[in-house]
PDB file of N, CA and C in Angstrom:
ATOM      1  N   MET A   1      85.117  31.364 116.675  1.00  0.00           N
ATOM      2  CA  MET A   1      86.334  32.116 116.877  1.00  0.00           C
ATOM      3  C   MET A   1      86.589  33.074 115.711  1.00  0.00           C
ATOM      4  N   LYS A   2      86.295  32.607 114.490  1.00  0.00           N
ATOM      5  CA  LYS A   2      86.508  33.428 113.314  1.00  0.00           C
ATOM      6  C   LYS A   2      85.603  34.668 113.345  1.00  0.00           C
ATOM      7  N   LYS A   3      84.367  34.498 113.825  1.00  0.00           N
ATOM      8  CA  LYS A   3      83.444  35.636 113.930  1.00  0.00           C
ATOM      9  C   LYS A   3      83.924  36.636 114.976  1.00  0.00           C
ATOM     10  N   LEU A   4      84.485  36.165 116.037  1.00  0.00           N
ATOM     11  CA  LEU A   4      84.987  37.037 117.100  1.00  0.00           C
ATOM     12  C   LEU A   4      86.178  37.867 116.615  1.00  0.00           C
ATOM     13  N   VAL A   5      87.077  37.246 115.882  1.00  0.00           N
ATOM     14  CA  VAL A   5      88.231  37.965 115.329  1.00  0.00           C
ATOM     15  C   VAL A   5      87.758  38.986 114.304  1.00  0.00           C
ATOM     16  N   SER A   6      86.816  38.605 113.449  1.00  0.00           N
ATOM     17  CA  SER A   6      86.282  39.538 112.451  1.00  0.00           C
ATOM     18  C   SER A   6      85.594  40.723 113.123  1.00  0.00           C
ATOM     19  N   LEU A   7      84.812  40.462 114.159  1.00  0.00           N
ATOM     20  CA  LEU A   7      84.139  41.530 114.888  1.00  0.00           C
ATOM     21  C   LEU A   7      85.153  42.466 115.540  1.00  0.00           C
ATOM     22  N   PHE A   8      86.198  41.911 116.094  1.00  0.00           N
ATOM     23  CA  PHE A   8      87.248  42.717 116.719  1.00  0.00           C
ATOM     24  C   PHE A   8      87.943  43.598 115.681  1.00  0.00           C
ATOM     25  N   LEU A   9      88.266  43.040 114.508  1.00  0.00           N
ATOM     26  CA  LEU A   9      88.908  43.818 113.451  1.00  0.00           C
ATOM     27  C   LEU A   9      88.005  44.940 112.942  1.00  0.00           C
ATOM     28  N   VAL A  10      86.717  44.673 112.788  1.00  0.00           N
ATOM     29  CA  VAL A  10      85.772  45.708 112.354  1.00  0.00           C
ATOM     30  C   VAL A  10      85.689  46.818 113.405  1.00  0.00           C
ATOM     31  N   LEU A  11      85.680  46.455 114.660  1.00  0.00           N
ATOM     32  CA  LEU A  11      85.630  47.437 115.732  1.00  0.00           C
ATOM     33  C   LEU A  11      86.887  48.305 115.740  1.00  0.00           C
ATOM     34  N   VAL A  12      88.032  47.695 115.577  1.00  0.00           N
ATOM     35  CA  VAL A  12      89.293  48.449 115.538  1.00  0.00           C
ATOM     36  C   VAL A  12      89.321  49.381 114.338  1.00  0.00           C
ATOM     37  N   MET A  13      88.865  48.928 113.202  1.00  0.00           N
ATOM     38  CA  MET A  13      88.837  49.785 112.007  1.00  0.00           C
ATOM     39  C   MET A  13      87.893  50.967 112.189  1.00  0.00           C
ATOM     40  N   CYS A  14      86.734  50.728 112.773  1.00  0.00           N
ATOM     41  CA  CYS A  14      85.784  51.821 113.005  1.00  0.00           C
ATOM     42  C   CYS A  14      86.348  52.854 113.972  1.00  0.00           C
ATOM     43  N   LEU A  15      87.015  52.400 115.000  1.00  0.00           N
ATOM     44  CA  LEU A  15      87.597  53.336 115.963  1.00  0.00           C
ATOM     45  C   LEU A  15      88.771  54.094 115.384  1.00  0.00           C
ATOM     46  N   SER A  16      89.529  53.477 114.510  1.00  0.00           N
ATOM     47  CA  SER A  16      90.687  54.163 113.933  1.00  0.00           C
ATOM     48  C   SER A  16      90.274  55.193 112.892  1.00  0.00           C
ATOM     49  N   LEU A  17      89.106  55.029 112.293  1.00  0.00           N
ATOM     50  CA  LEU A  17      88.641  55.973 111.283  1.00  0.00           C
ATOM     51  C   LEU A  17      87.865  57.146 111.864  1.00  0.00           C
ATOM     52  N   SER A  18      87.488  57.070 113.101  1.00  0.00           N
ATOM     53  CA  SER A  18      86.734  58.174 113.687  1.00  0.00           C
ATOM     54  C   SER A  18      87.676  59.335 113.993  1.00  0.00           C
ATOM     55  N   VAL A  19      87.197  60.534 113.766  1.00  0.00           N
ATOM     56  CA  VAL A  19      87.995  61.744 113.971  1.00  0.00           C
ATOM     57  C   VAL A  19      87.343  62.566 115.061  1.00  0.00           C
ATOM     58  N   THR A  20      88.144  63.011 115.993  1.00  0.00           N
ATOM     59  CA  THR A  20      87.636  63.848 117.067  1.00  0.00           C
ATOM     60  C   THR A  20      87.962  65.304 116.756  1.00  0.00           C
ATOM     61  N   ALA A  21      86.969  66.163 116.803  1.00  0.00           N
ATOM     62  CA  ALA A  21      87.168  67.582 116.565  1.00  0.00           C
ATOM     63  C   ALA A  21      87.022  68.313 117.892  1.00  0.00           C
ATOM     64  N   PHE A  22      87.941  69.218 118.167  1.00  0.00           N
ATOM     65  CA  PHE A  22      87.902  69.988 119.395  1.00  0.00           C
ATOM     66  C   PHE A  22      87.445  71.405 119.083  1.00  0.00           C
ATOM     67  N   ALA A  23      86.522  71.902 119.853  1.00  0.00           N
ATOM     68  CA  ALA A  23      86.009  73.251 119.654  1.00  0.00           C
ATOM     69  C   ALA A  23      86.915  74.254 120.363  1.00  0.00           C
ATOM     70  N   ASP A  24      87.002  75.449 119.793  1.00  0.00           N
ATOM     71  CA  ASP A  24      87.773  76.525 120.399  1.00  0.00           C
ATOM     72  C   ASP A  24      86.915  77.170 121.479  1.00  0.00           C
ATOM     73  N   THR A  25      87.330  77.048 122.708  1.00  0.00           N
ATOM     74  CA  THR A  25      86.541  77.580 123.811  1.00  0.00           C
ATOM     75  C   THR A  25      87.078  78.907 124.324  1.00  0.00           C
ATOM     76  N   THR A  26      88.152  79.430 123.719  1.00  0.00           N
ATOM     77  CA  THR A  26      88.724  80.681 124.210  1.00  0.00           C
ATOM     78  C   THR A  26      87.910  81.887 123.772  1.00  0.00           C
ATOM     79  N   GLY A  27      87.236  81.789 122.624  1.00  0.00           N
ATOM     80  CA  GLY A  27      86.455  82.910 122.127  1.00  0.00           C
ATOM     81  C   GLY A  27      87.294  83.974 121.460  1.00  0.00           C
ATOM     82  N   LYS A  28      88.588  83.709 121.245  1.00  0.00           N
ATOM     83  CA  LYS A  28      89.474  84.679 120.606  1.00  0.00           C
ATOM     84  C   LYS A  28      89.622  84.348 119.128  1.00  0.00           C
ATOM     85  N   THR A  29      89.778  85.400 118.329  1.00  0.00           N
ATOM     86  CA  THR A  29      90.091  85.188 116.923  1.00  0.00           C
ATOM     87  C   THR A  29      91.580  84.884 116.816  1.00  0.00           C
ATOM     88  N   PRO A  30      92.022  84.272 115.719  1.00  0.00           N
ATOM     89  CA  PRO A  30      93.450  83.965 115.590  1.00  0.00           C
ATOM     90  C   PRO A  30      94.349  85.188 115.677  1.00  0.00           C
ATOM     91  N   THR A  31      93.890  86.347 115.193  1.00  0.00           N
ATOM     92  CA  THR A  31      94.729  87.541 115.273  1.00  0.00           C
ATOM     93  C   THR A  31      94.857  88.030 116.713  1.00  0.00           C
ATOM     94  N   GLU A  32      93.800  87.899 117.509  1.00  0.00           N
ATOM     95  CA  GLU A  32      93.881  88.287 118.919  1.00  0.00           C
ATOM     96  C   GLU A  32      94.748  87.319 119.711  1.00  0.00           C
ATOM     97  N   GLU A  33      94.678  86.045 119.350  1.00  0.00           N
ATOM     98  CA  GLU A  33      95.419  85.030 120.084  1.00  0.00           C
ATOM     99  C   GLU A  33      96.929  85.197 119.901  1.00  0.00           C
ATOM    100  N   PHE A  34      97.355  85.560 118.682  1.00  0.00           N
ATOM    101  CA  PHE A  34      98.781  85.694 118.415  1.00  0.00           C
ATOM    102  C   PHE A  34      99.272  87.126 118.560  1.00  0.00           C
ATOM    103  N   GLY A  35      98.424  88.042 118.908  1.00  0.00           N
ATOM    104  CA  GLY A  35      98.838  89.404 119.215  1.00  0.00           C
ATOM    105  C   GLY A  35      99.048  90.306 118.020  1.00  0.00           C
ATOM    106  N   THR A  36      98.557  89.957 116.848  1.00  0.00           N
ATOM    107  CA  THR A  36      98.688  90.829 115.690  1.00  0.00           C
ATOM    108  C   THR A  36      97.399  91.608 115.511  1.00  0.00           C
ATOM    109  N   THR A  37      97.528  92.824 115.010  1.00  0.00           N
ATOM    110  CA  THR A  37      96.344  93.650 114.824  1.00  0.00           C
ATOM    111  C   THR A  37      95.786  93.541 113.421  1.00  0.00           C
ATOM    112  N   GLU A  38      96.634  93.209 112.442  1.00  0.00           N
ATOM    113  CA  GLU A  38      96.133  93.065 111.086  1.00  0.00           C
ATOM    114  C   GLU A  38      96.144  91.598 110.690  1.00  0.00           C
ATOM    115  N   PRO A  39      95.208  91.198 109.851  1.00  0.00           N
ATOM    116  CA  PRO A  39      95.152  89.780 109.468  1.00  0.00           C
ATOM    117  C   PRO A  39      96.377  89.385 108.644  1.00  0.00           C
ATOM    118  N   THR A  40      96.758  88.133 108.763  1.00  0.00           N
ATOM    119  CA  THR A  40      97.907  87.665 108.007  1.00  0.00           C
ATOM    120  C   THR A  40      97.538  87.537 106.543  1.00  0.00           C
ATOM    121  N   ARG A  41      98.487  87.841 105.665  1.00  0.00           N
ATOM    122  CA  ARG A  41      98.265  87.732 104.230  1.00  0.00           C
ATOM    123  C   ARG A  41      99.584  87.395 103.553  1.00  0.00           C
ATOM    124  N   TRP A  42      99.471  86.871 102.365  1.00  0.00           N
ATOM    125  CA  TRP A  42     100.663  86.539 101.602  1.00  0.00           C
ATOM    126  C   TRP A  42     101.328  87.819 101.142  1.00  0.00           C
ATOM    127  N   GLU A  43     102.642  87.819 101.170  1.00  0.00           N
ATOM    128  CA  GLU A  43     103.374  88.980 100.690  1.00  0.00           C
ATOM    129  C   GLU A  43     103.507  88.881  99.179  1.00  0.00           C
ATOM    130  N   GLU A  44     103.091  89.936  98.488  1.00  0.00           N
ATOM    131  CA  GLU A  44     103.220  89.975  97.039  1.00  0.00           C
ATOM    132  C   GLU A  44     104.547  90.600  96.676  1.00  0.00           C
ATOM    133  N   THR A  45     105.294  89.939  95.807  1.00  0.00           N
ATOM    134  CA  THR A  45     106.609  90.429  95.405  1.00  0.00           C
ATOM    135  C   THR A  45     106.698  90.481  93.892  1.00  0.00           C
ATOM    136  N   GLU A  46     107.658  91.267  93.408  1.00  0.00           N
ATOM    137  CA  GLU A  46     107.873  91.394  91.977  1.00  0.00           C
ATOM    138  C   GLU A  46     109.358  91.596  91.722  1.00  0.00           C
ATOM    139  N   TRP A  47     109.897  90.881  90.748  1.00  0.00           N
ATOM    140  CA  TRP A  47     111.297  91.029  90.366  1.00  0.00           C
ATOM    141  C   TRP A  47     111.435  92.171  89.371  1.00  0.00           C
ATOM    142  N   TYR A  48     112.432  93.042  89.568  1.00  0.00           N
ATOM    143  CA  TYR A  48     112.776  94.097  88.629  1.00  0.00           C
ATOM    144  C   TYR A  48     114.133  93.774  88.048  1.00  0.00           C
ATOM    145  N   TYR A  49     114.263  93.973  86.723  1.00  0.00           N
ATOM    146  CA  TYR A  49     115.492  93.647  86.020  1.00  0.00           C
ATOM    147  C   TYR A  49     116.081  94.900  85.413  1.00  0.00           C
ATOM    148  N   ARG A  50     117.418  94.906  85.264  1.00  0.00           N
ATOM    149  CA  ARG A  50     118.101  95.996  84.582  1.00  0.00           C
ATOM    150  C   ARG A  50     119.351  95.443  83.912  1.00  0.00           C
ATOM    151  N   VAL A  51     119.827  96.197  82.917  1.00  0.00           N
ATOM    152  CA  VAL A  51     121.063  95.843  82.223  1.00  0.00           C
ATOM    153  C   VAL A  51     122.090  96.913  82.563  1.00  0.00           C
ATOM    154  N   VAL A  52     123.258  96.490  83.058  1.00  0.00           N
ATOM    155  CA  VAL A  52     124.324  97.402  83.466  1.00  0.00           C
ATOM    156  C   VAL A  52     125.463  97.295  82.462  1.00  0.00           C
ATOM    157  N   ASP A  53     125.968  98.438  82.024  1.00  0.00           N
ATOM    158  CA  ASP A  53     127.091  98.518  81.079  1.00  0.00           C
ATOM    159  C   ASP A  53     126.805  97.751  79.787  1.00  0.00           C
ATOM    160  N   ASN A  54     125.542  97.689  79.396  1.00  0.00           N
ATOM    161  CA  ASN A  54     125.112  96.986  78.188  1.00  0.00           C
ATOM    162  C   ASN A  54     125.592  95.545  78.129  1.00  0.00           C
ATOM    163  N   TYR A  55     125.836  94.928  79.284  1.00  0.00           N
ATOM    164  CA  TYR A  55     126.383  93.579  79.295  1.00  0.00           C
ATOM    165  C   TYR A  55     125.803  92.709  80.410  1.00  0.00           C
ATOM    166  N   TYR A  56     125.767  93.216  81.650  1.00  0.00           N
ATOM    167  CA  TYR A  56     125.322  92.419  82.796  1.00  0.00           C
ATOM    168  C   TYR A  56     123.832  92.591  83.065  1.00  0.00           C
ATOM    169  N   VAL A  57     123.138  91.490  83.308  1.00  0.00           N
ATOM    170  CA  VAL A  57     121.729  91.519  83.672  1.00  0.00           C
ATOM    171  C   VAL A  57     121.645  91.342  85.186  1.00  0.00           C
ATOM    172  N   GLN A  58     120.926  92.277  85.832  1.00  0.00           N
ATOM    173  CA  GLN A  58     120.767  92.222  87.282  1.00  0.00           C
ATOM    174  C   GLN A  58     119.288  92.217  87.631  1.00  0.00           C
ATOM    175  N   ARG A  59     118.996  91.731  88.835  1.00  0.00           N
ATOM    176  CA  ARG A  59     117.615  91.724  89.302  1.00  0.00           C
ATOM    177  C   ARG A  59     117.570  92.137  90.772  1.00  0.00           C
ATOM    178  N   ARG A  60     116.367  92.610  91.182  1.00  0.00           N
ATOM    179  CA  ARG A  60     116.145  93.045  92.560  1.00  0.00           C
ATOM    180  C   ARG A  60     114.688  92.757  92.910  1.00  0.00           C
ATOM    181  N   LEU A  61     114.440  92.301  94.133  1.00  0.00           N
ATOM    182  CA  LEU A  61     113.095  91.905  94.544  1.00  0.00           C
ATOM    183  C   LEU A  61     112.413  93.036  95.313  1.00  0.00           C
ATOM    184  N   TRP A  62     111.213  93.404  94.854  1.00  0.00           N
ATOM    185  CA  TRP A  62     110.418  94.479  95.449  1.00  0.00           C
ATOM    186  C   TRP A  62     109.197  93.883  96.145  1.00  0.00           C
ATOM    187  N   SER A  63     108.907  94.346  97.371  1.00  0.00           N
ATOM    188  CA  SER A  63     107.717  93.918  98.093  1.00  0.00           C
ATOM    189  C   SER A  63     106.570  94.856  97.736  1.00  0.00           C
ATOM    190  N   CYS A  64     105.604  94.347  96.978  1.00  0.00           N
ATOM    191  CA  CYS A  64     104.429  95.151  96.615  1.00  0.00           C
ATOM    192  C   CYS A  64     103.533  95.360  97.835  1.00  0.00           C
ATOM    193  N   THR A  65     103.566  94.433  98.781  1.00  0.00           N
ATOM    194  CA  THR A  65     102.728  94.510  99.964  1.00  0.00           C
ATOM    195  C   THR A  65     103.192  95.608 100.904  1.00  0.00           C
ATOM    196  N   TYR A  66     104.487  95.666 101.174  1.00  0.00           N
ATOM    197  CA  TYR A  66     105.017  96.595 102.179  1.00  0.00           C
ATOM    198  C   TYR A  66     105.725  97.804 101.575  1.00  0.00           C
ATOM    199  N   GLY A  67     106.063  97.768 100.294  1.00  0.00           N
ATOM    200  CA  GLY A  67     106.615  98.934  99.618  1.00  0.00           C
ATOM    201  C   GLY A  67     108.083  99.193  99.880  1.00  0.00           C
ATOM    202  N   TYR A  68     108.915  98.154  99.944  1.00  0.00           N
ATOM    203  CA  TYR A  68     110.354  98.347 100.061  1.00  0.00           C
ATOM    204  C   TYR A  68     111.087  97.196  99.394  1.00  0.00           C
ATOM    205  N   TRP A  69     112.390  97.445  99.114  1.00  0.00           N
ATOM    206  CA  TRP A  69     113.217  96.438  98.466  1.00  0.00           C
ATOM    207  C   TRP A  69     113.560  95.337  99.459  1.00  0.00           C
ATOM    208  N   LEU A  70     113.485  94.091  99.003  1.00  0.00           N
ATOM    209  CA  LEU A  70     113.822  92.951  99.847  1.00  0.00           C
ATOM    210  C   LEU A  70     115.255  92.478  99.621  1.00  0.00           C
ATOM    211  N   THR A  71     115.817  92.755  98.441  1.00  0.00           N
ATOM    212  CA  THR A  71     117.184  92.339  98.133  1.00  0.00           C
ATOM    213  C   THR A  71     117.947  93.498  97.512  1.00  0.00           C
ATOM    214  N   GLU A  72     119.250  93.337  97.438  1.00  0.00           N
ATOM    215  CA  GLU A  72     120.099  94.271  96.691  1.00  0.00           C
ATOM    216  C   GLU A  72     120.143  93.794  95.241  1.00  0.00           C
ATOM    217  N   TRP A  73     120.712  94.631  94.357  1.00  0.00           N
ATOM    218  CA  TRP A  73     120.868  94.212  92.967  1.00  0.00           C
ATOM    219  C   TRP A  73     121.846  93.047  92.913  1.00  0.00           C
ATOM    220  N   GLU A  74     121.453  91.977  92.238  1.00  0.00           N
ATOM    221  CA  GLU A  74     122.330  90.814  92.093  1.00  0.00           C
ATOM    222  C   GLU A  74     122.483  90.491  90.613  1.00  0.00           C
ATOM    223  N   THR A  75     123.701  90.202  90.218  1.00  0.00           N
ATOM    224  CA  THR A  75     123.985  89.877  88.835  1.00  0.00           C
ATOM    225  C   THR A  75     123.589  88.432  88.576  1.00  0.00           C
ATOM    226  N   ILE A  76     122.800  88.225  87.526  1.00  0.00           N
ATOM    227  CA  ILE A  76     122.327  86.874  87.225  1.00  0.00           C
ATOM    228  C   ILE A  76     122.895  86.345  85.912  1.00  0.00           C
ATOM    229  N   GLY A  77     123.612  87.162  85.175  1.00  0.00           N
ATOM    230  CA  GLY A  77     124.193  86.684  83.916  1.00  0.00           C
ATOM    231  C   GLY A  77     124.603  87.837  83.034  1.00  0.00           C
ATOM    232  N   HIS A  78     124.883  87.508  81.802  1.00  0.00           N
ATOM    233  CA  HIS A  78     125.252  88.530  80.836  1.00  0.00           C
ATOM    234  C   HIS A  78     124.541  88.271  79.528  1.00  0.00           C
ATOM    235  N   ILE A  79     124.506  89.288  78.693  1.00  0.00           N
ATOM    236  CA  ILE A  79     123.785  89.187  77.419  1.00  0.00           C
ATOM    237  C   ILE A  79     124.658  88.494  76.402  1.00  0.00           C
TER     238      ILE A  79
END
């Protein structure tokens, strides 16, 4: 009986560790599948800082990828 239980546990462990991989049969690339023409990429951004009235420090976020401002000037503190 002990051998039967051990064999059953080994079988369950082997089946639980096996991974099934499914192949893509559509033949489409991810960009074609989701309808985008350009590949997805991370957006690169950069913070710009300025001092207003020699007292307030402000910042604004610029998109280096798309070439436009993402935020308005926001005050983050004072000198």
